[in-house]
């Protein structure tokens, strides 16, 4: 999937999704190959688009700009932001799990 997205190979990218029952990665962290998705409505023109850091933060349930700056106030590189978001747990998932634990206790 990553190689097809990087090369702009629309057919190979579309075919790399596998079956509907296969697991699907939400965010793939990497310096060169952040997660991309396929435009189903417009397969002919530029159907691969990479998510921005802001969009990834929104998908994870974080405020916009959450990963933009480090503890010392230094600006974080996009690759590091993608890596941090790819290694994180989505906030809505964590809240759901913690609510279940609270209810059980």
PDB file of N, CA and C in Angstrom:
ATOM      1  N   UNK A   1       0.824  -1.183   0.000  1.00  0.00           N
ATOM      2  CA  UNK A   1       0.000   0.000   0.000  1.00  0.00           C
ATOM      3  C   UNK A   1       0.870   1.249   0.000  1.00  0.00           C
ATOM      4  N   UNK A   2       1.885   1.258   0.848  1.00  0.00           N
ATOM      5  CA  UNK A   2       2.748   2.435   0.933  1.00  0.00           C
ATOM      6  C   UNK A   2       3.477   2.701  -0.375  1.00  0.00           C
ATOM      7  N   UNK A   3       4.041   1.643  -0.953  1.00  0.00           N
ATOM      8  CA  UNK A   3       4.783   1.797  -2.200  1.00  0.00           C
ATOM      9  C   UNK A   3       3.890   2.281  -3.329  1.00  0.00           C
ATOM     10  N   UNK A   4       2.674   1.740  -3.404  1.00  0.00           N
ATOM     11  CA  UNK A   4       1.736   2.149  -4.447  1.00  0.00           C
ATOM     12  C   UNK A   4       1.326   3.606  -4.265  1.00  0.00           C
ATOM     13  N   UNK A   5       1.120   4.037  -3.016  1.00  0.00           N
ATOM     14  CA  UNK A   5       0.756   5.429  -2.761  1.00  0.00           C
ATOM     15  C   UNK A   5       1.908   6.356  -3.120  1.00  0.00           C
ATOM     16  N   UNK A   6       3.115   5.976  -2.769  1.00  0.00           N
ATOM     17  CA  UNK A   6       4.286   6.800  -3.059  1.00  0.00           C
ATOM     18  C   UNK A   6       4.501   6.934  -4.560  1.00  0.00           C
ATOM     19  N   UNK A   7       4.297   5.833  -5.306  1.00  0.00           N
ATOM     20  CA  UNK A   7       4.502   5.840  -6.756  1.00  0.00           C
ATOM     21  C   UNK A   7       3.311   6.386  -7.516  1.00  0.00           C
ATOM     22  N   UNK A   8       2.197   6.614  -6.832  1.00  0.00           N
ATOM     23  CA  UNK A   8       0.994   7.106  -7.500  1.00  0.00           C
ATOM     24  C   UNK A   8       0.314   6.051  -8.354  1.00  0.00           C
ATOM     25  N   UNK A   9       0.541   4.772  -8.043  1.00  0.00           N
ATOM     26  CA  UNK A   9      -0.060   3.671  -8.787  1.00  0.00           C
ATOM     27  C   UNK A   9      -1.462   3.419  -8.237  1.00  0.00           C
ATOM     28  N   UNK A  10      -2.471   3.981  -8.897  1.00  0.00           N
ATOM     29  CA  UNK A  10      -3.841   3.945  -8.388  1.00  0.00           C
ATOM     30  C   UNK A  10      -4.408   2.540  -8.318  1.00  0.00           C
ATOM     31  N   UNK A  11      -4.164   1.742  -9.361  1.00  0.00           N
ATOM     32  CA  UNK A  11      -4.729   0.391  -9.408  1.00  0.00           C
ATOM     33  C   UNK A  11      -4.121  -0.484  -8.307  1.00  0.00           C
ATOM     34  N   UNK A  12      -2.801  -0.460  -8.172  1.00  0.00           N
ATOM     35  CA  UNK A  12      -2.144  -1.272  -7.145  1.00  0.00           C
ATOM     36  C   UNK A  12      -2.552  -0.810  -5.752  1.00  0.00           C
ATOM     37  N   UNK A  13      -2.691   0.501  -5.552  1.00  0.00           N
ATOM     38  CA  UNK A  13      -3.112   1.027  -4.256  1.00  0.00           C
ATOM     39  C   UNK A  13      -4.511   0.530  -3.914  1.00  0.00           C
ATOM     40  N   UNK A  14      -5.432   0.635  -4.871  1.00  0.00           N
ATOM     41  CA  UNK A  14      -6.811   0.190  -4.641  1.00  0.00           C
ATOM     42  C   UNK A  14      -6.857  -1.304  -4.341  1.00  0.00           C
ATOM     43  N   UNK A  15      -6.066  -2.098  -5.052  1.00  0.00           N
ATOM     44  CA  UNK A  15      -6.066  -3.541  -4.858  1.00  0.00           C
ATOM     45  C   UNK A  15      -5.339  -3.978  -3.587  1.00  0.00           C
ATOM     46  N   UNK A  16      -4.567  -3.093  -2.967  1.00  0.00           N
ATOM     47  CA  UNK A  16      -3.810  -3.466  -1.769  1.00  0.00           C
ATOM     48  C   UNK A  16      -4.666  -3.499  -0.510  1.00  0.00           C
ATOM     49  N   UNK A  17      -5.916  -3.054  -0.590  1.00  0.00           N
ATOM     50  CA  UNK A  17      -6.769  -3.036   0.590  1.00  0.00           C
ATOM     51  C   UNK A  17      -7.229  -4.423   1.005  1.00  0.00           C
ATOM     52  N   UNK A  18      -7.202  -5.393   0.114  1.00  0.00           N
ATOM     53  CA  UNK A  18      -7.568  -6.761   0.464  1.00  0.00           C
ATOM     54  C   UNK A  18      -9.063  -6.930   0.601  1.00  0.00           C
ATOM     55  N   UNK A  19      -9.455  -7.900   1.417  1.00  0.00           N
ATOM     56  CA  UNK A  19     -10.862  -8.196   1.627  1.00  0.00           C
ATOM     57  C   UNK A  19     -11.458  -7.286   2.689  1.00  0.00           C
ATOM     58  N   UNK A  20     -12.765  -7.162   2.689  1.00  0.00           N
ATOM     59  CA  UNK A  20     -13.432  -6.291   3.664  1.00  0.00           C
ATOM     60  C   UNK A  20     -13.270  -6.807   5.091  1.00  0.00           C
ATOM     61  N   UNK A  21     -12.926  -8.078   5.265  1.00  0.00           N
ATOM     62  CA  UNK A  21     -12.744  -8.640   6.601  1.00  0.00           C
ATOM     63  C   UNK A  21     -11.309  -8.512   7.104  1.00  0.00           C
ATOM     64  N   UNK A  22     -10.388  -8.054   6.240  1.00  0.00           N
ATOM     65  CA  UNK A  22      -8.991  -7.889   6.639  1.00  0.00           C
ATOM     66  C   UNK A  22      -8.833  -6.686   7.556  1.00  0.00           C
ATOM     67  N   UNK A  23      -7.857  -6.728   8.487  1.00  0.00           N
ATOM     68  CA  UNK A  23      -7.598  -5.543   9.315  1.00  0.00           C
ATOM     69  C   UNK A  23      -7.065  -4.421   8.447  1.00  0.00           C
ATOM     70  N   UNK A  24      -7.372  -3.189   8.811  1.00  0.00           N
ATOM     71  CA  UNK A  24      -6.938  -2.036   8.017  1.00  0.00           C
ATOM     72  C   UNK A  24      -6.228  -1.040   8.927  1.00  0.00           C
ATOM     73  N   UNK A  25      -5.019  -0.623   8.582  1.00  0.00           N
ATOM     74  CA  UNK A  25      -4.288   0.334   9.421  1.00  0.00           C
ATOM     75  C   UNK A  25      -4.893   1.729   9.315  1.00  0.00           C
ATOM     76  N   UNK A  26      -5.024   2.411  10.429  1.00  0.00           N
ATOM     77  CA  UNK A  26      -5.579   3.757  10.398  1.00  0.00           C
ATOM     78  C   UNK A  26      -4.505   4.786  10.100  1.00  0.00           C
ATOM     79  N   UNK A  27      -3.378   4.700  10.757  1.00  0.00           N
ATOM     80  CA  UNK A  27      -2.278   5.628  10.512  1.00  0.00           C
ATOM     81  C   UNK A  27      -0.993   4.829  10.391  1.00  0.00           C
ATOM     82  N   UNK A  28      -0.231   5.096   9.363  1.00  0.00           N
ATOM     83  CA  UNK A  28       1.057   4.440   9.175  1.00  0.00           C
ATOM     84  C   UNK A  28       2.137   5.499   9.368  1.00  0.00           C
ATOM     85  N   UNK A  29       2.903   5.394  10.429  1.00  0.00           N
ATOM     86  CA  UNK A  29       3.918   6.397  10.710  1.00  0.00           C
ATOM     87  C   UNK A  29       5.136   6.155   9.829  1.00  0.00           C
ATOM     88  N   UNK A  30       5.708   7.211   9.316  1.00  0.00           N
ATOM     89  CA  UNK A  30       6.907   7.088   8.507  1.00  0.00           C
ATOM     90  C   UNK A  30       7.322   8.446   7.985  1.00  0.00           C
ATOM     91  N   UNK A  31       8.609   8.621   7.767  1.00  0.00           N
ATOM     92  CA  UNK A  31       9.120   9.901   7.309  1.00  0.00           C
ATOM     93  C   UNK A  31       8.696  10.197   5.873  1.00  0.00           C
ATOM     94  N   UNK A  32       8.603   9.167   5.037  1.00  0.00           N
ATOM     95  CA  UNK A  32       8.306   9.386   3.630  1.00  0.00           C
ATOM     96  C   UNK A  32       6.908   8.958   3.224  1.00  0.00           C
ATOM     97  N   UNK A  33       6.316   8.062   3.961  1.00  0.00           N
ATOM     98  CA  UNK A  33       5.059   7.469   3.537  1.00  0.00           C
ATOM     99  C   UNK A  33       3.969   7.563   4.591  1.00  0.00           C
ATOM    100  N   UNK A  34       3.436   8.747   4.855  1.00  0.00           N
ATOM    101  CA  UNK A  34       2.311   8.805   5.787  1.00  0.00           C
ATOM    102  C   UNK A  34       1.098   8.138   5.162  1.00  0.00           C
ATOM    103  N   UNK A  35       0.091   7.886   5.952  1.00  0.00           N
ATOM    104  CA  UNK A  35      -1.099   7.198   5.473  1.00  0.00           C
ATOM    105  C   UNK A  35      -1.758   7.981   4.342  1.00  0.00           C
ATOM    106  N   UNK A  36      -2.254   7.279   3.355  1.00  0.00           N
ATOM    107  CA  UNK A  36      -2.977   7.887   2.241  1.00  0.00           C
ATOM    108  C   UNK A  36      -4.290   7.137   2.067  1.00  0.00           C
ATOM    109  N   UNK A  37      -5.224   7.770   1.404  1.00  0.00           N
ATOM    110  CA  UNK A  37      -6.479   7.081   1.150  1.00  0.00           C
ATOM    111  C   UNK A  37      -6.908   7.285  -0.292  1.00  0.00           C
ATOM    112  N   UNK A  38      -7.874   6.497  -0.713  1.00  0.00           N
ATOM    113  CA  UNK A  38      -8.309   6.438  -2.095  1.00  0.00           C
ATOM    114  C   UNK A  38      -9.667   7.122  -2.236  1.00  0.00           C
ATOM    115  N   UNK A  39      -9.781   8.041  -3.192  1.00  0.00           N
ATOM    116  CA  UNK A  39     -11.056   8.691  -3.476  1.00  0.00           C
ATOM    117  C   UNK A  39     -11.902   7.764  -4.331  1.00  0.00           C
ATOM    118  N   UNK A  40     -12.934   7.192  -3.757  1.00  0.00           N
ATOM    119  CA  UNK A  40     -13.775   6.251  -4.487  1.00  0.00           C
ATOM    120  C   UNK A  40     -14.571   6.947  -5.583  1.00  0.00           C
ATOM    121  N   UNK A  41     -14.972   8.199  -5.361  1.00  0.00           N
ATOM    122  CA  UNK A  41     -15.806   8.917  -6.326  1.00  0.00           C
ATOM    123  C   UNK A  41     -15.034   9.435  -7.530  1.00  0.00           C
ATOM    124  N   UNK A  42     -13.726   9.572  -7.412  1.00  0.00           N
ATOM    125  CA  UNK A  42     -12.927  10.155  -8.486  1.00  0.00           C
ATOM    126  C   UNK A  42     -11.663   9.338  -8.728  1.00  0.00           C
ATOM    127  N   UNK A  43     -11.791   8.113  -9.235  1.00  0.00           N
ATOM    128  CA  UNK A  43     -10.616   7.257  -9.395  1.00  0.00           C
ATOM    129  C   UNK A  43      -9.683   7.693 -10.514  1.00  0.00           C
ATOM    130  N   UNK A  44     -10.145   8.570 -11.398  1.00  0.00           N
ATOM    131  CA  UNK A  44      -9.340   8.924 -12.549  1.00  0.00           C
ATOM    132  C   UNK A  44      -8.293   9.988 -12.317  1.00  0.00           C
ATOM    133  N   UNK A  45      -8.522  10.907 -11.406  1.00  0.00           N
ATOM    134  CA  UNK A  45      -7.593  12.030 -11.287  1.00  0.00           C
ATOM    135  C   UNK A  45      -7.062  12.167  -9.869  1.00  0.00           C
ATOM    136  N   UNK A  46      -5.811  11.830  -9.680  1.00  0.00           N
ATOM    137  CA  UNK A  46      -5.145  12.037  -8.402  1.00  0.00           C
ATOM    138  C   UNK A  46      -5.867  11.444  -7.224  1.00  0.00           C
ATOM    139  N   UNK A  47      -6.152  10.164  -7.264  1.00  0.00           N
ATOM    140  CA  UNK A  47      -7.008   9.577  -6.241  1.00  0.00           C
ATOM    141  C   UNK A  47      -6.290   9.338  -4.923  1.00  0.00           C
ATOM    142  N   UNK A  48      -4.990   9.519  -4.849  1.00  0.00           N
ATOM    143  CA  UNK A  48      -4.273   9.298  -3.598  1.00  0.00           C
ATOM    144  C   UNK A  48      -3.981  10.646  -2.957  1.00  0.00           C
ATOM    145  N   UNK A  49      -4.423  10.822  -1.725  1.00  0.00           N
ATOM    146  CA  UNK A  49      -4.154  12.057  -0.999  1.00  0.00           C
ATOM    147  C   UNK A  49      -3.654  11.701   0.387  1.00  0.00           C
ATOM    148  N   UNK A  50      -2.606  12.360   0.824  1.00  0.00           N
ATOM    149  CA  UNK A  50      -2.043  12.104   2.145  1.00  0.00           C
ATOM    150  C   UNK A  50      -2.748  12.966   3.183  1.00  0.00           C
ATOM    151  N   UNK A  51      -3.006  12.386   4.327  1.00  0.00           N
ATOM    152  CA  UNK A  51      -3.613  13.138   5.428  1.00  0.00           C
ATOM    153  C   UNK A  51      -2.595  14.116   5.998  1.00  0.00           C
ATOM    154  N   UNK A  52      -3.058  15.284   6.392  1.00  0.00           N
ATOM    155  CA  UNK A  52      -2.181  16.266   7.032  1.00  0.00           C
ATOM    156  C   UNK A  52      -2.040  15.916   8.507  1.00  0.00           C
ATOM    157  N   UNK A  53      -1.084  16.552   9.143  1.00  0.00           N
ATOM    158  CA  UNK A  53      -0.906  16.325  10.577  1.00  0.00           C
ATOM    159  C   UNK A  53      -2.169  16.726  11.336  1.00  0.00           C
ATOM    160  N   UNK A  54      -2.790  17.813  10.931  1.00  0.00           N
ATOM    161  CA  UNK A  54      -4.006  18.292  11.586  1.00  0.00           C
ATOM    162  C   UNK A  54      -5.133  17.266  11.454  1.00  0.00           C
ATOM    163  N   UNK A  55      -5.290  16.697  10.260  1.00  0.00           N
ATOM    164  CA  UNK A  55      -6.326  15.686  10.057  1.00  0.00           C
ATOM    165  C   UNK A  55      -6.056  14.448  10.906  1.00  0.00           C
ATOM    166  N   UNK A  56      -4.800  14.063  11.026  1.00  0.00           N
ATOM    167  CA  UNK A  56      -4.446  12.911  11.858  1.00  0.00           C
ATOM    168  C   UNK A  56      -4.767  13.187  13.324  1.00  0.00           C
ATOM    169  N   UNK A  57      -4.478  14.404  13.775  1.00  0.00           N
ATOM    170  CA  UNK A  57      -4.811  14.770  15.161  1.00  0.00           C
ATOM    171  C   UNK A  57      -6.316  14.691  15.382  1.00  0.00           C
ATOM    172  N   UNK A  58      -7.083  15.170  14.424  1.00  0.00           N
ATOM    173  CA  UNK A  58      -8.545  15.114  14.548  1.00  0.00           C
ATOM    174  C   UNK A  58      -9.034  13.669  14.604  1.00  0.00           C
ATOM    175  N   UNK A  59      -8.460  12.800  13.753  1.00  0.00           N
ATOM    176  CA  UNK A  59      -8.856  11.390  13.761  1.00  0.00           C
ATOM    177  C   UNK A  59      -8.549  10.721  15.095  1.00  0.00           C
ATOM    178  N   UNK A  60      -7.506  11.172  15.753  1.00  0.00           N
ATOM    179  CA  UNK A  60      -7.105  10.599  17.035  1.00  0.00           C
ATOM    180  C   UNK A  60      -7.883  11.205  18.199  1.00  0.00           C
ATOM    181  N   UNK A  61      -8.721  12.217  17.934  1.00  0.00           N
ATOM    182  CA  UNK A  61      -9.507  12.843  18.983  1.00  0.00           C
ATOM    183  C   UNK A  61      -8.733  13.890  19.773  1.00  0.00           C
ATOM    184  N   UNK A  62      -7.648  14.396  19.193  1.00  0.00           N
ATOM    185  CA  UNK A  62      -6.815  15.392  19.865  1.00  0.00           C
ATOM    186  C   UNK A  62      -7.133  16.786  19.348  1.00  0.00           C
ATOM    187  N   UNK A  63      -6.835  17.816  20.128  1.00  0.00           N
ATOM    188  CA  UNK A  63      -7.024  19.188  19.644  1.00  0.00           C
ATOM    189  C   UNK A  63      -6.050  19.492  18.507  1.00  0.00           C
ATOM    190  N   UNK A  64      -6.438  20.402  17.626  1.00  0.00           N
ATOM    191  CA  UNK A  64      -5.557  20.797  16.531  1.00  0.00           C
ATOM    192  C   UNK A  64      -4.267  21.391  17.087  1.00  0.00           C
ATOM    193  N   UNK A  65      -3.147  20.996  16.501  1.00  0.00           N
ATOM    194  CA  UNK A  65      -1.860  21.515  16.931  1.00  0.00           C
ATOM    195  C   UNK A  65      -1.280  20.820  18.148  1.00  0.00           C
ATOM    196  N   UNK A  66      -1.897  19.744  18.600  1.00  0.00           N
ATOM    197  CA  UNK A  66      -1.456  19.053  19.813  1.00  0.00           C
ATOM    198  C   UNK A  66      -0.015  18.560  19.703  1.00  0.00           C
ATOM    199  N   UNK A  67       0.393  18.147  18.513  1.00  0.00           N
ATOM    200  CA  UNK A  67       1.743  17.612  18.321  1.00  0.00           C
ATOM    201  C   UNK A  67       2.681  18.617  17.656  1.00  0.00           C
ATOM    202  N   UNK A  68       2.262  19.856  17.498  1.00  0.00           N
ATOM    203  CA  UNK A  68       3.054  20.844  16.754  1.00  0.00           C
ATOM    204  C   UNK A  68       4.320  21.274  17.487  1.00  0.00           C
ATOM    205  N   UNK A  69       4.287  21.323  18.806  1.00  0.00           N
ATOM    206  CA  UNK A  69       5.426  21.828  19.573  1.00  0.00           C
ATOM    207  C   UNK A  69       5.813  20.851  20.677  1.00  0.00           C
ATOM    208  N   UNK A  70       7.109  20.791  20.969  1.00  0.00           N
ATOM    209  CA  UNK A  70       7.625  19.926  22.021  1.00  0.00           C
ATOM    210  C   UNK A  70       7.529  20.581  23.382  1.00  0.00           C
ATOM    211  N   UNK A  71       8.040  19.894  24.390  1.00  0.00           N
ATOM    212  CA  UNK A  71       7.984  20.379  25.769  1.00  0.00           C
ATOM    213  C   UNK A  71       8.756  21.684  25.953  1.00  0.00           C
ATOM    214  N   UNK A  72       9.811  21.879  25.176  1.00  0.00           N
ATOM    215  CA  UNK A  72      10.629  23.090  25.277  1.00  0.00           C
ATOM    216  C   UNK A  72      10.119  24.208  24.377  1.00  0.00           C
ATOM    217  N   UNK A  73       9.024  23.981  23.672  1.00  0.00           N
ATOM    218  CA  UNK A  73       8.466  24.982  22.777  1.00  0.00           C
ATOM    219  C   UNK A  73       9.043  24.947  21.371  1.00  0.00           C
ATOM    220  N   UNK A  74       9.871  23.936  21.076  1.00  0.00           N
ATOM    221  CA  UNK A  74      10.452  23.795  19.743  1.00  0.00           C
ATOM    222  C   UNK A  74       9.419  23.205  18.800  1.00  0.00           C
ATOM    223  N   UNK A  75       9.452  23.672  17.544  1.00  0.00           N
ATOM    224  CA  UNK A  75       8.541  23.145  16.532  1.00  0.00           C
ATOM    225  C   UNK A  75       8.952  21.714  16.169  1.00  0.00           C
ATOM    226  N   UNK A  76       7.976  20.819  16.086  1.00  0.00           N
ATOM    227  CA  UNK A  76       8.211  19.406  15.789  1.00  0.00           C
ATOM    228  C   UNK A  76       8.082  19.184  14.279  1.00  0.00           C
ATOM    229  N   UNK A  77       8.966  18.380  13.716  1.00  0.00           N
ATOM    230  CA  UNK A  77       8.934  18.104  12.277  1.00  0.00           C
ATOM    231  C   UNK A  77       7.696  17.279  11.926  1.00  0.00           C
ATOM    232  N   UNK A  78       7.202  17.410  10.692  1.00  0.00           N
ATOM    233  CA  UNK A  78       6.040  16.615  10.286  1.00  0.00           C
ATOM    234  C   UNK A  78       6.264  15.113  10.446  1.00  0.00           C
ATOM    235  N   UNK A  79       7.450  14.625  10.103  1.00  0.00           N
ATOM    236  CA  UNK A  79       7.719  13.186  10.242  1.00  0.00           C
ATOM    237  C   UNK A  79       7.592  12.742  11.691  1.00  0.00           C
ATOM    238  N   UNK A  80       8.089  13.546  12.622  1.00  0.00           N
ATOM    239  CA  UNK A  80       7.983  13.207  14.047  1.00  0.00           C
ATOM    240  C   UNK A  80       6.541  13.280  14.527  1.00  0.00           C
ATOM    241  N   UNK A  81       5.787  14.218  13.978  1.00  0.00           N
ATOM    242  CA  UNK A  81       4.374  14.322  14.351  1.00  0.00           C
ATOM    243  C   UNK A  81       3.608  13.089  13.883  1.00  0.00           C
ATOM    244  N   UNK A  82       3.849  12.673  12.625  1.00  0.00           N
ATOM    245  CA  UNK A  82       3.197  11.465  12.115  1.00  0.00           C
ATOM    246  C   UNK A  82       3.586  10.252  12.952  1.00  0.00           C
ATOM    247  N   UNK A  83       4.846  10.173  13.340  1.00  0.00           N
ATOM    248  CA  UNK A  83       5.306   9.031  14.135  1.00  0.00           C
ATOM    249  C   UNK A  83       4.618   9.016  15.502  1.00  0.00           C
ATOM    250  N   UNK A  84       4.551  10.181  16.142  1.00  0.00           N
ATOM    251  CA  UNK A  84       3.898  10.270  17.453  1.00  0.00           C
ATOM    252  C   UNK A  84       2.424   9.882  17.352  1.00  0.00           C
ATOM    253  N   UNK A  85       1.751  10.359  16.327  1.00  0.00           N
ATOM    254  CA  UNK A  85       0.333  10.039  16.156  1.00  0.00           C
ATOM    255  C   UNK A  85       0.126   8.579  15.795  1.00  0.00           C
ATOM    256  N   UNK A  86       1.041   8.020  15.012  1.00  0.00           N
ATOM    257  CA  UNK A  86       0.935   6.614  14.640  1.00  0.00           C
ATOM    258  C   UNK A  86       1.188   5.678  15.804  1.00  0.00           C
ATOM    259  N   UNK A  87       1.945   6.127  16.795  1.00  0.00           N
ATOM    260  CA  UNK A  87       2.250   5.293  17.962  1.00  0.00           C
ATOM    261  C   UNK A  87       1.296   5.539  19.126  1.00  0.00           C
ATOM    262  N   UNK A  88       0.352   6.445  18.946  1.00  0.00           N
ATOM    263  CA  UNK A  88      -0.568   6.811  20.028  1.00  0.00           C
ATOM    264  C   UNK A  88      -1.851   5.984  19.953  1.00  0.00           C
ATOM    265  N   UNK A  89      -2.600   6.000  21.044  1.00  0.00           N
ATOM    266  CA  UNK A  89      -3.934   5.396  21.055  1.00  0.00           C
ATOM    267  C   UNK A  89      -4.934   6.529  20.864  1.00  0.00           C
ATOM    268  N   UNK A  90      -5.971   6.272  20.102  1.00  0.00           N
ATOM    269  CA  UNK A  90      -6.986   7.293  19.860  1.00  0.00           C
ATOM    270  C   UNK A  90      -7.708   7.616  21.164  1.00  0.00           C
ATOM    271  N   UNK A  91      -7.878   8.885  21.436  1.00  0.00           N
ATOM    272  CA  UNK A  91      -8.494   9.340  22.682  1.00  0.00           C
ATOM    273  C   UNK A  91      -9.900   8.775  22.885  1.00  0.00           C
ATOM    274  N   UNK A  92     -10.768   8.751  21.861  1.00  0.00           N
ATOM    275  CA  UNK A  92     -12.094   8.156  22.078  1.00  0.00           C
ATOM    276  C   UNK A  92     -12.019   6.678  22.489  1.00  0.00           C
ATOM    277  N   UNK A  93     -11.061   5.947  21.969  1.00  0.00           N
ATOM    278  CA  UNK A  93     -10.902   4.535  22.360  1.00  0.00           C
ATOM    279  C   UNK A  93     -10.485   4.426  23.820  1.00  0.00           C
ATOM    280  N   UNK A  94      -9.539   5.255  24.239  1.00  0.00           N
ATOM    281  CA  UNK A  94      -9.079   5.235  25.624  1.00  0.00           C
ATOM    282  C   UNK A  94     -10.218   5.610  26.576  1.00  0.00           C
ATOM    283  N   UNK A  95     -10.994   6.627  26.201  1.00  0.00           N
ATOM    284  CA  UNK A  95     -12.122   7.031  27.041  1.00  0.00           C
ATOM    285  C   UNK A  95     -13.158   5.915  27.163  1.00  0.00           C
ATOM    286  N   UNK A  96     -13.410   5.215  26.070  1.00  0.00           N
ATOM    287  CA  UNK A  96     -14.371   4.118  26.084  1.00  0.00           C
ATOM    288  C   UNK A  96     -13.902   2.990  27.001  1.00  0.00           C
ATOM    289  N   UNK A  97     -12.637   2.647  26.902  1.00  0.00           N
ATOM    290  CA  UNK A  97     -12.079   1.582  27.738  1.00  0.00           C
ATOM    291  C   UNK A  97     -12.117   1.973  29.213  1.00  0.00           C
ATOM    292  N   UNK A  98     -11.723   3.210  29.506  1.00  0.00           N
ATOM    293  CA  UNK A  98     -11.711   3.658  30.898  1.00  0.00           C
ATOM    294  C   UNK A  98     -13.126   3.735  31.474  1.00  0.00           C
ATOM    295  N   UNK A  99     -14.099   4.123  30.641  1.00  0.00           N
ATOM    296  CA  UNK A  99     -15.490   4.161  31.110  1.00  0.00           C
ATOM    297  C   UNK A  99     -15.978   2.750  31.439  1.00  0.00           C
ATOM    298  N   UNK A 100     -15.582   1.779  30.645  1.00  0.00           N
ATOM    299  CA  UNK A 100     -15.950   0.380  30.932  1.00  0.00           C
ATOM    300  C   UNK A 100     -15.332  -0.117  32.218  1.00  0.00           C
ATOM    301  N   UNK A 101     -14.082   0.238  32.448  1.00  0.00           N
ATOM    302  CA  UNK A 101     -13.412  -0.149  33.700  1.00  0.00           C
ATOM    303  C   UNK A 101     -14.102   0.498  34.893  1.00  0.00           C
ATOM    304  N   UNK A 102     -14.435   1.780  34.742  1.00  0.00           N
ATOM    305  CA  UNK A 102     -15.110   2.504  35.831  1.00  0.00           C
ATOM    306  C   UNK A 102     -16.466   1.864  36.147  1.00  0.00           C
ATOM    307  N   UNK A 103     -17.184   1.514  35.096  1.00  0.00           N
ATOM    308  CA  UNK A 103     -18.485   0.896  35.287  1.00  0.00           C
ATOM    309  C   UNK A 103     -18.378  -0.455  35.973  1.00  0.00           C
ATOM    310  N   UNK A 104     -17.344  -1.214  35.614  1.00  0.00           N
ATOM    311  CA  UNK A 104     -17.134  -2.537  36.212  1.00  0.00           C
ATOM    312  C   UNK A 104     -16.744  -2.428  37.680  1.00  0.00           C
ATOM    313  N   UNK A 105     -15.996  -1.390  38.024  1.00  0.00           N
ATOM    314  CA  UNK A 105     -15.578  -1.216  39.421  1.00  0.00           C
ATOM    315  C   UNK A 105     -16.700  -0.629  40.249  1.00  0.00           C
TER     316      UNK A 105
END
